[in-house]
N, C-alpha and C. Protein backbone atom coordinates (compact mmCIF):
# COMPACT_ATOMS: atom_id res chain seq x y z
N MET A 1 0.84 -1.15 0.00
CA MET A 1 0.00 0.00 0.00
C MET A 1 0.90 1.23 0.00
N ALA A 2 0.68 2.13 -0.92
CA ALA A 2 1.51 3.33 -1.02
C ALA A 2 1.06 4.35 0.00
N SER A 3 2.04 4.99 0.60
CA SER A 3 1.69 6.02 1.58
C SER A 3 1.48 7.34 0.86
N ALA A 4 0.65 8.16 1.44
CA ALA A 4 0.37 9.48 0.86
C ALA A 4 1.62 10.35 1.01
N PRO A 5 1.90 11.13 -0.02
CA PRO A 5 3.06 12.01 0.11
C PRO A 5 2.84 13.00 1.25
N SER A 6 3.90 13.25 1.98
CA SER A 6 3.77 14.19 3.10
C SER A 6 3.82 15.62 2.59
N ASP A 7 3.14 16.46 3.29
CA ASP A 7 3.16 17.88 2.94
C ASP A 7 4.56 18.43 3.16
N PRO A 8 4.99 19.34 2.29
CA PRO A 8 6.29 19.94 2.51
C PRO A 8 6.29 20.72 3.83
N PRO A 9 7.43 20.80 4.48
CA PRO A 9 7.47 21.51 5.75
C PRO A 9 7.09 22.98 5.56
N GLN A 10 6.36 23.51 6.54
CA GLN A 10 5.96 24.92 6.51
C GLN A 10 7.18 25.79 6.75
N LEU A 11 7.33 26.84 5.97
CA LEU A 11 8.40 27.80 6.17
C LEU A 11 7.98 28.78 7.26
N VAL A 12 8.82 28.93 8.26
CA VAL A 12 8.58 29.89 9.33
C VAL A 12 9.58 31.02 9.18
N THR A 13 9.06 32.24 9.10
CA THR A 13 9.94 33.40 9.05
C THR A 13 9.78 34.19 10.34
N THR A 14 10.87 34.70 10.82
CA THR A 14 10.87 35.44 12.07
C THR A 14 11.60 36.75 11.87
N LYS A 15 11.07 37.81 12.45
CA LYS A 15 11.65 39.14 12.33
C LYS A 15 12.26 39.55 13.66
N ILE A 16 13.50 40.07 13.60
CA ILE A 16 14.18 40.61 14.76
C ILE A 16 14.65 42.02 14.41
N LEU A 17 14.44 42.94 15.34
CA LEU A 17 14.90 44.31 15.16
C LEU A 17 16.28 44.48 15.79
N ILE A 18 17.11 45.26 15.15
CA ILE A 18 18.41 45.65 15.68
C ILE A 18 18.30 47.16 15.86
N ALA A 19 18.28 47.63 17.11
CA ALA A 19 18.01 49.04 17.40
C ALA A 19 19.11 49.62 18.27
N GLY A 20 19.04 50.92 18.45
CA GLY A 20 19.99 51.61 19.31
C GLY A 20 20.22 53.01 18.80
N GLY A 21 21.07 53.72 19.50
CA GLY A 21 21.36 55.11 19.15
C GLY A 21 22.17 55.24 17.87
N PHE A 22 22.41 56.46 17.51
CA PHE A 22 23.16 56.83 16.33
C PHE A 22 24.60 56.34 16.45
N GLY A 23 25.06 55.57 15.46
CA GLY A 23 26.46 55.17 15.40
C GLY A 23 26.89 54.08 16.35
N VAL A 24 25.95 53.26 16.87
CA VAL A 24 26.33 52.21 17.82
C VAL A 24 26.75 50.90 17.17
N GLY A 25 26.46 50.72 15.87
CA GLY A 25 26.86 49.49 15.19
C GLY A 25 25.74 48.64 14.66
N LYS A 26 24.57 49.21 14.46
CA LYS A 26 23.42 48.43 13.96
C LYS A 26 23.68 47.91 12.55
N THR A 27 24.11 48.78 11.66
CA THR A 27 24.40 48.38 10.28
C THR A 27 25.51 47.34 10.26
N THR A 28 26.51 47.55 11.08
CA THR A 28 27.64 46.61 11.16
C THR A 28 27.17 45.24 11.64
N MET A 29 26.31 45.21 12.65
CA MET A 29 25.83 43.93 13.17
C MET A 29 25.03 43.16 12.12
N VAL A 30 24.12 43.84 11.44
CA VAL A 30 23.34 43.17 10.40
C VAL A 30 24.27 42.62 9.33
N GLY A 31 25.24 43.42 8.92
CA GLY A 31 26.17 43.00 7.87
C GLY A 31 27.09 41.88 8.27
N SER A 32 27.40 41.78 9.57
CA SER A 32 28.35 40.75 10.02
C SER A 32 27.77 39.35 9.96
N ILE A 33 26.45 39.22 9.95
CA ILE A 33 25.86 37.88 10.03
C ILE A 33 24.96 37.53 8.85
N SER A 34 24.52 38.50 8.10
CA SER A 34 23.59 38.23 7.00
C SER A 34 24.23 37.33 5.95
N GLU A 35 23.45 36.35 5.49
CA GLU A 35 23.94 35.44 4.44
C GLU A 35 23.80 36.07 3.06
N ILE A 36 23.02 37.11 2.97
CA ILE A 36 22.88 37.84 1.72
C ILE A 36 23.58 39.19 1.86
N ARG A 37 23.85 39.81 0.75
CA ARG A 37 24.38 41.17 0.83
C ARG A 37 23.27 42.04 1.43
N PRO A 38 23.53 42.65 2.59
CA PRO A 38 22.46 43.39 3.25
C PRO A 38 21.96 44.57 2.44
N LEU A 39 20.67 44.80 2.55
CA LEU A 39 20.09 46.02 2.00
C LEU A 39 20.41 47.12 3.00
N ARG A 40 21.03 48.17 2.52
CA ARG A 40 21.39 49.29 3.39
C ARG A 40 20.84 50.56 2.80
N THR A 41 20.36 51.43 3.66
CA THR A 41 19.90 52.74 3.22
C THR A 41 20.80 53.81 3.83
N GLU A 42 22.09 53.63 3.65
CA GLU A 42 23.08 54.56 4.17
C GLU A 42 23.20 55.76 3.24
N GLU A 43 23.21 56.92 3.82
CA GLU A 43 23.39 58.15 3.07
C GLU A 43 24.46 58.99 3.75
N PRO A 44 25.16 59.80 3.00
CA PRO A 44 26.17 60.66 3.62
C PRO A 44 25.54 61.65 4.59
N LEU A 45 26.24 61.92 5.69
CA LEU A 45 25.80 62.98 6.59
C LEU A 45 25.95 64.31 5.86
N THR A 46 24.99 65.18 6.02
CA THR A 46 25.02 66.47 5.34
C THR A 46 24.90 67.60 6.35
N ASP A 47 24.96 68.80 5.87
CA ASP A 47 24.83 69.96 6.75
C ASP A 47 23.44 70.07 7.36
N ARG A 48 22.46 69.32 6.84
CA ARG A 48 21.10 69.33 7.42
C ARG A 48 21.08 68.71 8.80
N GLY A 49 22.09 67.88 9.12
CA GLY A 49 22.17 67.27 10.44
C GLY A 49 22.92 68.09 11.46
N VAL A 50 23.54 69.19 11.03
CA VAL A 50 24.29 70.04 11.95
C VAL A 50 23.31 70.64 12.96
N GLY A 51 23.64 70.48 14.23
CA GLY A 51 22.77 70.97 15.29
C GLY A 51 21.62 70.03 15.62
N VAL A 52 21.45 68.98 14.80
CA VAL A 52 20.38 68.00 15.03
C VAL A 52 20.98 66.67 15.49
N ASP A 53 21.98 66.21 14.77
CA ASP A 53 22.64 64.94 15.09
C ASP A 53 23.83 65.20 16.01
N ASP A 54 23.88 64.47 17.10
CA ASP A 54 24.99 64.59 18.04
C ASP A 54 26.08 63.62 17.62
N LEU A 55 27.20 64.14 17.17
CA LEU A 55 28.32 63.31 16.71
C LEU A 55 29.34 63.05 17.81
N SER A 56 29.01 63.40 19.05
CA SER A 56 29.94 63.15 20.16
C SER A 56 30.26 61.66 20.24
N GLY A 57 31.54 61.35 20.19
CA GLY A 57 31.99 59.97 20.27
C GLY A 57 32.05 59.27 18.93
N VAL A 58 31.44 59.85 17.90
CA VAL A 58 31.46 59.25 16.56
C VAL A 58 31.80 60.32 15.52
N GLU A 59 32.74 61.17 15.86
CA GLU A 59 33.09 62.31 15.01
C GLU A 59 33.51 61.90 13.61
N ARG A 60 34.08 60.71 13.45
CA ARG A 60 34.54 60.27 12.13
C ARG A 60 33.44 59.63 11.30
N LYS A 61 32.25 59.47 11.85
CA LYS A 61 31.13 58.86 11.11
C LYS A 61 30.75 59.77 9.95
N SER A 62 30.61 59.19 8.76
CA SER A 62 30.31 60.01 7.58
C SER A 62 28.99 59.64 6.90
N THR A 63 28.38 58.51 7.32
CA THR A 63 27.10 58.10 6.74
C THR A 63 26.12 57.74 7.85
N THR A 64 24.87 57.64 7.49
CA THR A 64 23.85 57.26 8.46
C THR A 64 22.73 56.48 7.76
N THR A 65 22.08 55.60 8.51
CA THR A 65 20.93 54.86 8.00
C THR A 65 19.71 55.77 8.03
N VAL A 66 19.03 55.91 6.90
CA VAL A 66 17.87 56.80 6.83
C VAL A 66 16.55 56.05 6.78
N ALA A 67 16.57 54.76 6.61
CA ALA A 67 15.33 53.99 6.59
C ALA A 67 15.50 52.71 7.40
N MET A 68 16.33 51.80 6.93
CA MET A 68 16.54 50.53 7.63
C MET A 68 17.70 49.79 6.99
N ASP A 69 18.17 48.79 7.70
CA ASP A 69 19.07 47.79 7.14
C ASP A 69 18.27 46.50 7.11
N PHE A 70 18.58 45.64 6.16
CA PHE A 70 17.87 44.36 6.10
C PHE A 70 18.86 43.25 5.78
N GLY A 71 18.79 42.18 6.57
CA GLY A 71 19.60 41.00 6.33
C GLY A 71 18.79 39.74 6.56
N ARG A 72 19.34 38.61 6.16
CA ARG A 72 18.63 37.33 6.29
C ARG A 72 19.59 36.24 6.72
N ILE A 73 19.06 35.34 7.57
CA ILE A 73 19.80 34.15 7.98
C ILE A 73 18.87 32.97 7.81
N THR A 74 19.29 31.95 7.06
CA THR A 74 18.50 30.74 6.90
C THR A 74 19.09 29.67 7.80
N PHE A 75 18.29 29.20 8.76
CA PHE A 75 18.75 28.16 9.67
C PHE A 75 18.62 26.78 9.05
N ASN A 76 17.50 26.55 8.40
CA ASN A 76 17.26 25.30 7.68
C ASN A 76 16.12 25.55 6.71
N GLU A 77 15.65 24.51 6.03
CA GLU A 77 14.61 24.71 5.02
C GLU A 77 13.29 25.19 5.61
N ARG A 78 13.17 25.17 6.93
CA ARG A 78 11.92 25.56 7.57
C ARG A 78 11.99 26.86 8.35
N LEU A 79 13.19 27.39 8.64
CA LEU A 79 13.29 28.57 9.49
C LEU A 79 14.23 29.62 8.89
N VAL A 80 13.67 30.82 8.67
CA VAL A 80 14.43 31.94 8.15
C VAL A 80 14.26 33.12 9.11
N LEU A 81 15.37 33.75 9.42
CA LEU A 81 15.37 34.90 10.32
C LEU A 81 15.65 36.16 9.51
N TYR A 82 14.77 37.15 9.64
CA TYR A 82 14.96 38.44 8.98
C TYR A 82 15.42 39.45 10.02
N LEU A 83 16.48 40.17 9.70
CA LEU A 83 17.01 41.20 10.59
C LEU A 83 16.69 42.57 10.01
N PHE A 84 16.12 43.42 10.82
CA PHE A 84 15.81 44.79 10.42
C PHE A 84 16.54 45.74 11.34
N GLY A 85 17.50 46.47 10.81
CA GLY A 85 18.20 47.49 11.58
C GLY A 85 17.44 48.80 11.49
N THR A 86 17.15 49.39 12.63
CA THR A 86 16.38 50.63 12.66
C THR A 86 17.31 51.84 12.50
N PRO A 87 16.77 52.95 12.03
CA PRO A 87 17.58 54.17 12.02
C PRO A 87 17.75 54.68 13.45
N GLY A 88 18.90 55.27 13.72
CA GLY A 88 19.20 55.68 15.09
C GLY A 88 18.81 57.10 15.45
N GLN A 89 18.73 57.99 14.47
CA GLN A 89 18.44 59.38 14.80
C GLN A 89 16.95 59.60 15.06
N GLU A 90 16.67 60.48 16.00
CA GLU A 90 15.30 60.74 16.42
C GLU A 90 14.40 61.14 15.26
N ARG A 91 14.91 61.86 14.30
CA ARG A 91 14.06 62.32 13.21
C ARG A 91 13.56 61.18 12.32
N PHE A 92 14.15 59.99 12.46
CA PHE A 92 13.70 58.84 11.68
C PHE A 92 12.92 57.81 12.51
N TRP A 93 12.66 58.12 13.77
CA TRP A 93 11.98 57.16 14.64
C TRP A 93 10.56 56.84 14.22
N PHE A 94 9.95 57.68 13.41
CA PHE A 94 8.58 57.41 12.97
C PHE A 94 8.50 56.05 12.25
N MET A 95 9.60 55.57 11.73
CA MET A 95 9.61 54.30 11.00
C MET A 95 9.58 53.08 11.92
N TRP A 96 9.92 53.27 13.19
CA TRP A 96 10.04 52.13 14.09
C TRP A 96 8.75 51.34 14.24
N ASP A 97 7.61 52.02 14.31
CA ASP A 97 6.34 51.30 14.48
C ASP A 97 6.11 50.32 13.34
N GLU A 98 6.39 50.73 12.11
CA GLU A 98 6.22 49.84 10.97
C GLU A 98 7.22 48.69 11.02
N LEU A 99 8.46 48.99 11.35
CA LEU A 99 9.48 47.94 11.41
C LEU A 99 9.19 46.95 12.53
N ALA A 100 8.59 47.40 13.62
CA ALA A 100 8.35 46.53 14.77
C ALA A 100 7.15 45.59 14.59
N LEU A 101 6.28 45.86 13.62
CA LEU A 101 5.11 45.00 13.43
C LEU A 101 5.55 43.56 13.18
N GLY A 102 5.05 42.65 13.99
CA GLY A 102 5.33 41.23 13.81
C GLY A 102 6.70 40.78 14.28
N ALA A 103 7.45 41.65 14.93
CA ALA A 103 8.80 41.26 15.38
C ALA A 103 8.72 40.30 16.58
N LEU A 104 9.61 39.33 16.58
CA LEU A 104 9.74 38.38 17.68
C LEU A 104 10.38 39.04 18.89
N GLY A 105 11.36 39.90 18.64
CA GLY A 105 12.08 40.57 19.71
C GLY A 105 13.08 41.53 19.11
N ALA A 106 13.92 42.10 19.98
CA ALA A 106 14.86 43.11 19.52
C ALA A 106 16.19 43.00 20.24
N VAL A 107 17.21 43.48 19.57
CA VAL A 107 18.53 43.67 20.15
C VAL A 107 18.73 45.18 20.25
N VAL A 108 18.99 45.67 21.46
CA VAL A 108 19.34 47.08 21.64
C VAL A 108 20.86 47.12 21.77
N ILE A 109 21.51 47.77 20.79
CA ILE A 109 22.96 47.88 20.84
C ILE A 109 23.31 49.14 21.63
N ALA A 110 24.24 49.00 22.55
CA ALA A 110 24.67 50.11 23.40
C ALA A 110 26.16 50.37 23.20
N ASP A 111 26.54 51.61 23.40
CA ASP A 111 27.93 52.06 23.35
C ASP A 111 28.20 52.71 24.70
N THR A 112 29.15 52.18 25.46
CA THR A 112 29.40 52.70 26.81
C THR A 112 29.90 54.14 26.80
N ARG A 113 30.39 54.62 25.68
CA ARG A 113 30.83 56.02 25.60
C ARG A 113 29.64 56.97 25.54
N ARG A 114 28.47 56.42 25.15
CA ARG A 114 27.25 57.22 25.02
C ARG A 114 26.06 56.38 25.48
N LEU A 115 26.14 55.89 26.70
CA LEU A 115 25.16 54.94 27.20
C LEU A 115 23.74 55.51 27.23
N THR A 116 23.61 56.81 27.49
CA THR A 116 22.27 57.40 27.56
C THR A 116 21.54 57.33 26.22
N ASP A 117 22.26 57.16 25.12
CA ASP A 117 21.61 57.02 23.81
C ASP A 117 20.79 55.73 23.71
N SER A 118 20.98 54.82 24.67
CA SER A 118 20.23 53.55 24.68
C SER A 118 18.83 53.70 25.25
N PHE A 119 18.62 54.71 26.08
CA PHE A 119 17.33 54.83 26.78
C PHE A 119 16.12 54.91 25.85
N PRO A 120 16.15 55.68 24.76
CA PRO A 120 14.95 55.70 23.90
C PRO A 120 14.59 54.32 23.33
N SER A 121 15.57 53.53 22.95
CA SER A 121 15.29 52.18 22.42
C SER A 121 14.72 51.29 23.51
N ILE A 122 15.33 51.32 24.68
CA ILE A 122 14.85 50.50 25.79
C ILE A 122 13.43 50.88 26.15
N ASP A 123 13.17 52.19 26.27
CA ASP A 123 11.82 52.66 26.58
C ASP A 123 10.82 52.21 25.53
N TYR A 124 11.20 52.28 24.27
CA TYR A 124 10.30 51.90 23.17
C TYR A 124 9.88 50.43 23.32
N PHE A 125 10.84 49.54 23.52
CA PHE A 125 10.50 48.12 23.59
C PHE A 125 9.78 47.77 24.89
N GLU A 126 10.11 48.45 25.97
CA GLU A 126 9.38 48.22 27.22
C GLU A 126 7.91 48.64 27.05
N ARG A 127 7.68 49.80 26.45
CA ARG A 127 6.30 50.27 26.25
C ARG A 127 5.52 49.34 25.32
N ARG A 128 6.15 48.80 24.31
CA ARG A 128 5.49 47.89 23.36
C ARG A 128 5.32 46.48 23.92
N GLY A 129 6.01 46.16 25.01
CA GLY A 129 5.96 44.81 25.55
C GLY A 129 6.69 43.81 24.67
N LEU A 130 7.73 44.27 23.97
CA LEU A 130 8.50 43.40 23.08
C LEU A 130 9.79 42.98 23.79
N PRO A 131 10.04 41.68 23.90
CA PRO A 131 11.26 41.24 24.58
C PRO A 131 12.51 41.70 23.85
N PHE A 132 13.54 42.04 24.62
CA PHE A 132 14.79 42.52 24.03
C PHE A 132 15.97 42.14 24.91
N VAL A 133 17.13 42.15 24.30
CA VAL A 133 18.39 42.02 25.01
C VAL A 133 19.20 43.27 24.71
N VAL A 134 20.16 43.56 25.57
CA VAL A 134 21.07 44.68 25.34
C VAL A 134 22.43 44.09 24.98
N ALA A 135 22.95 44.50 23.83
CA ALA A 135 24.26 44.06 23.36
C ALA A 135 25.20 45.26 23.41
N VAL A 136 26.17 45.22 24.29
CA VAL A 136 27.12 46.32 24.43
C VAL A 136 28.24 46.11 23.42
N ASN A 137 28.28 46.98 22.42
CA ASN A 137 29.29 46.89 21.38
C ASN A 137 30.60 47.43 21.95
N CYS A 138 31.57 46.57 22.12
CA CYS A 138 32.84 46.93 22.75
C CYS A 138 33.78 47.56 21.72
N PHE A 139 33.66 48.86 21.57
CA PHE A 139 34.48 49.60 20.61
C PHE A 139 35.93 49.63 21.07
N ASP A 140 36.84 49.62 20.11
CA ASP A 140 38.26 49.75 20.43
C ASP A 140 38.49 51.07 21.15
N GLY A 141 39.24 51.00 22.25
CA GLY A 141 39.57 52.20 23.00
C GLY A 141 38.52 52.65 24.00
N ALA A 142 37.34 52.05 23.99
CA ALA A 142 36.29 52.42 24.96
C ALA A 142 36.53 51.70 26.27
N ASP A 143 36.14 52.35 27.37
CA ASP A 143 36.25 51.71 28.68
C ASP A 143 35.40 50.45 28.71
N ARG A 144 35.90 49.43 29.37
CA ARG A 144 35.15 48.17 29.51
C ARG A 144 34.47 48.14 30.87
N HIS A 145 33.25 47.64 30.88
CA HIS A 145 32.48 47.54 32.11
C HIS A 145 31.84 46.16 32.18
N ARG A 146 31.55 45.73 33.38
CA ARG A 146 30.87 44.44 33.56
C ARG A 146 29.42 44.57 33.10
N ALA A 147 28.88 43.49 32.55
CA ALA A 147 27.49 43.50 32.09
C ALA A 147 26.53 43.86 33.22
N GLU A 148 26.82 43.37 34.43
CA GLU A 148 25.96 43.66 35.58
C GLU A 148 25.92 45.15 35.88
N ASP A 149 27.06 45.82 35.76
CA ASP A 149 27.12 47.26 36.02
C ASP A 149 26.37 48.05 34.95
N ILE A 150 26.44 47.59 33.72
CA ILE A 150 25.72 48.25 32.63
C ILE A 150 24.22 48.10 32.83
N ALA A 151 23.78 46.92 33.26
CA ALA A 151 22.36 46.69 33.52
C ALA A 151 21.85 47.65 34.60
N ILE A 152 22.66 47.87 35.63
CA ILE A 152 22.28 48.81 36.69
C ILE A 152 22.22 50.23 36.14
N ALA A 153 23.23 50.62 35.36
CA ALA A 153 23.26 51.98 34.79
C ALA A 153 22.07 52.24 33.87
N LEU A 154 21.61 51.20 33.18
CA LEU A 154 20.46 51.34 32.27
C LEU A 154 19.13 51.12 32.98
N ASP A 155 19.17 50.76 34.28
CA ASP A 155 17.97 50.53 35.07
C ASP A 155 17.07 49.48 34.42
N LEU A 156 17.70 48.38 33.99
CA LEU A 156 16.97 47.31 33.33
C LEU A 156 16.26 46.40 34.33
N ASP A 157 15.14 45.83 33.91
CA ASP A 157 14.51 44.78 34.71
C ASP A 157 15.51 43.64 34.85
N SER A 158 15.43 42.91 35.94
CA SER A 158 16.42 41.87 36.23
C SER A 158 16.48 40.77 35.18
N GLY A 159 15.42 40.54 34.44
CA GLY A 159 15.41 39.46 33.47
C GLY A 159 15.98 39.81 32.11
N VAL A 160 16.34 41.08 31.87
CA VAL A 160 16.83 41.49 30.56
C VAL A 160 18.31 41.16 30.45
N PRO A 161 18.68 40.27 29.52
CA PRO A 161 20.10 39.92 29.36
C PRO A 161 20.92 41.09 28.82
N VAL A 162 22.13 41.24 29.34
CA VAL A 162 23.10 42.21 28.84
C VAL A 162 24.33 41.42 28.42
N LEU A 163 24.76 41.61 27.18
CA LEU A 163 25.91 40.87 26.65
C LEU A 163 26.94 41.84 26.12
N LEU A 164 28.20 41.49 26.28
CA LEU A 164 29.29 42.24 25.67
C LEU A 164 29.55 41.60 24.31
N CYS A 165 29.71 42.43 23.28
CA CYS A 165 29.87 41.86 21.94
C CYS A 165 30.76 42.73 21.08
N ASP A 166 31.08 42.20 19.92
CA ASP A 166 31.77 42.94 18.87
C ASP A 166 30.89 42.81 17.63
N ALA A 167 30.19 43.87 17.27
CA ALA A 167 29.23 43.82 16.16
C ALA A 167 29.88 43.48 14.83
N ARG A 168 31.20 43.59 14.74
CA ARG A 168 31.91 43.27 13.50
C ARG A 168 32.12 41.77 13.33
N ASP A 169 31.99 41.04 14.43
CA ASP A 169 32.34 39.62 14.46
C ASP A 169 31.10 38.75 14.31
N ARG A 170 31.08 37.89 13.31
CA ARG A 170 29.94 37.03 13.04
C ARG A 170 29.57 36.15 14.24
N GLU A 171 30.55 35.53 14.87
CA GLU A 171 30.27 34.65 16.02
C GLU A 171 29.71 35.42 17.20
N SER A 172 30.22 36.61 17.43
CA SER A 172 29.73 37.45 18.52
C SER A 172 28.27 37.85 18.26
N THR A 173 27.97 38.24 17.03
CA THR A 173 26.60 38.58 16.66
C THR A 173 25.69 37.37 16.80
N LYS A 174 26.17 36.22 16.40
CA LYS A 174 25.39 34.98 16.53
C LYS A 174 25.05 34.71 17.99
N GLU A 175 26.01 34.90 18.89
CA GLU A 175 25.75 34.69 20.32
C GLU A 175 24.66 35.64 20.83
N VAL A 176 24.69 36.88 20.36
CA VAL A 176 23.66 37.85 20.76
C VAL A 176 22.29 37.39 20.28
N LEU A 177 22.18 36.94 19.03
CA LEU A 177 20.89 36.51 18.49
C LEU A 177 20.39 35.25 19.18
N VAL A 178 21.28 34.33 19.48
CA VAL A 178 20.88 33.12 20.21
C VAL A 178 20.36 33.50 21.60
N SER A 179 21.05 34.42 22.26
CA SER A 179 20.61 34.88 23.57
C SER A 179 19.23 35.52 23.49
N LEU A 180 18.98 36.30 22.43
CA LEU A 180 17.65 36.90 22.27
C LEU A 180 16.59 35.83 22.11
N VAL A 181 16.83 34.86 21.25
CA VAL A 181 15.84 33.80 21.03
C VAL A 181 15.58 33.03 22.32
N GLU A 182 16.62 32.72 23.07
CA GLU A 182 16.44 32.03 24.36
C GLU A 182 15.63 32.90 25.32
N HIS A 183 15.90 34.20 25.33
CA HIS A 183 15.16 35.13 26.19
C HIS A 183 13.69 35.17 25.79
N VAL A 184 13.42 35.21 24.50
CA VAL A 184 12.04 35.24 24.01
C VAL A 184 11.30 33.97 24.45
N MET A 185 11.98 32.84 24.40
CA MET A 185 11.34 31.57 24.77
C MET A 185 10.98 31.53 26.26
N ARG A 186 11.72 32.25 27.10
CA ARG A 186 11.44 32.29 28.54
C ARG A 186 10.54 33.46 28.94
N TRP A 187 10.38 34.42 28.05
CA TRP A 187 9.75 35.70 28.37
C TRP A 187 8.26 35.56 28.61
N GLU A 188 7.79 36.28 29.61
CA GLU A 188 6.36 36.36 29.88
C GLU A 188 5.92 37.79 29.75
N THR A 189 4.74 37.98 29.17
CA THR A 189 4.19 39.34 29.13
C THR A 189 3.83 39.74 30.55
N PRO A 190 3.71 41.04 30.82
CA PRO A 190 3.30 41.47 32.16
C PRO A 190 1.98 40.85 32.59
N GLU A 191 1.07 40.63 31.64
CA GLU A 191 -0.21 40.01 31.97
C GLU A 191 -0.03 38.56 32.41
N GLN A 192 0.86 37.83 31.74
CA GLN A 192 1.11 36.44 32.12
C GLN A 192 1.77 36.37 33.50
N ALA A 193 2.68 37.27 33.78
CA ALA A 193 3.40 37.27 35.04
C ALA A 193 2.48 37.54 36.22
N SER A 194 1.39 38.32 36.00
CA SER A 194 0.50 38.66 37.10
C SER A 194 -0.56 37.61 37.36
N GLN A 195 -0.63 36.58 36.53
CA GLN A 195 -1.66 35.53 36.71
C GLN A 195 -1.20 34.47 37.68
């Protein structure tokens, strides 16, 4: 007796946001792990940003993301991960709501030289109830701090993972994404926690 052909496996796609302040390494992180050439909307910084964009700590930066970065990682024939890097400057934040639709979670990249630039991203994901991890991009020449101390400085809930990383390094980025997925699997919404 012949068996019926099995249905092909369902393709599952998952969206993760890569967010953070201006110049923290979002574009770099997406590019370090994407299996495809990332879609980038980088444009040169112009005089229109003078007095608007704070270049403190990133004085040599010459381009900025004006819409998003996009990358893809295929785990197997059934699971594909889409990475969306958000723009960092406040004038482009209107795009975040669209990018966040359907996202599984987010990575907030932090730079210890400008740690306060992380607060808007953290506040955004806390307000939306979207699970996130904080990835501290360890820039060359920047002071190093323990993850626990950074969590205290950012006033994070105790369950939010903080990782030290190098956004240029594929393995380091992979560890951050794995940590996010593990966090999402353990995460409870505030409503679930109160039941």
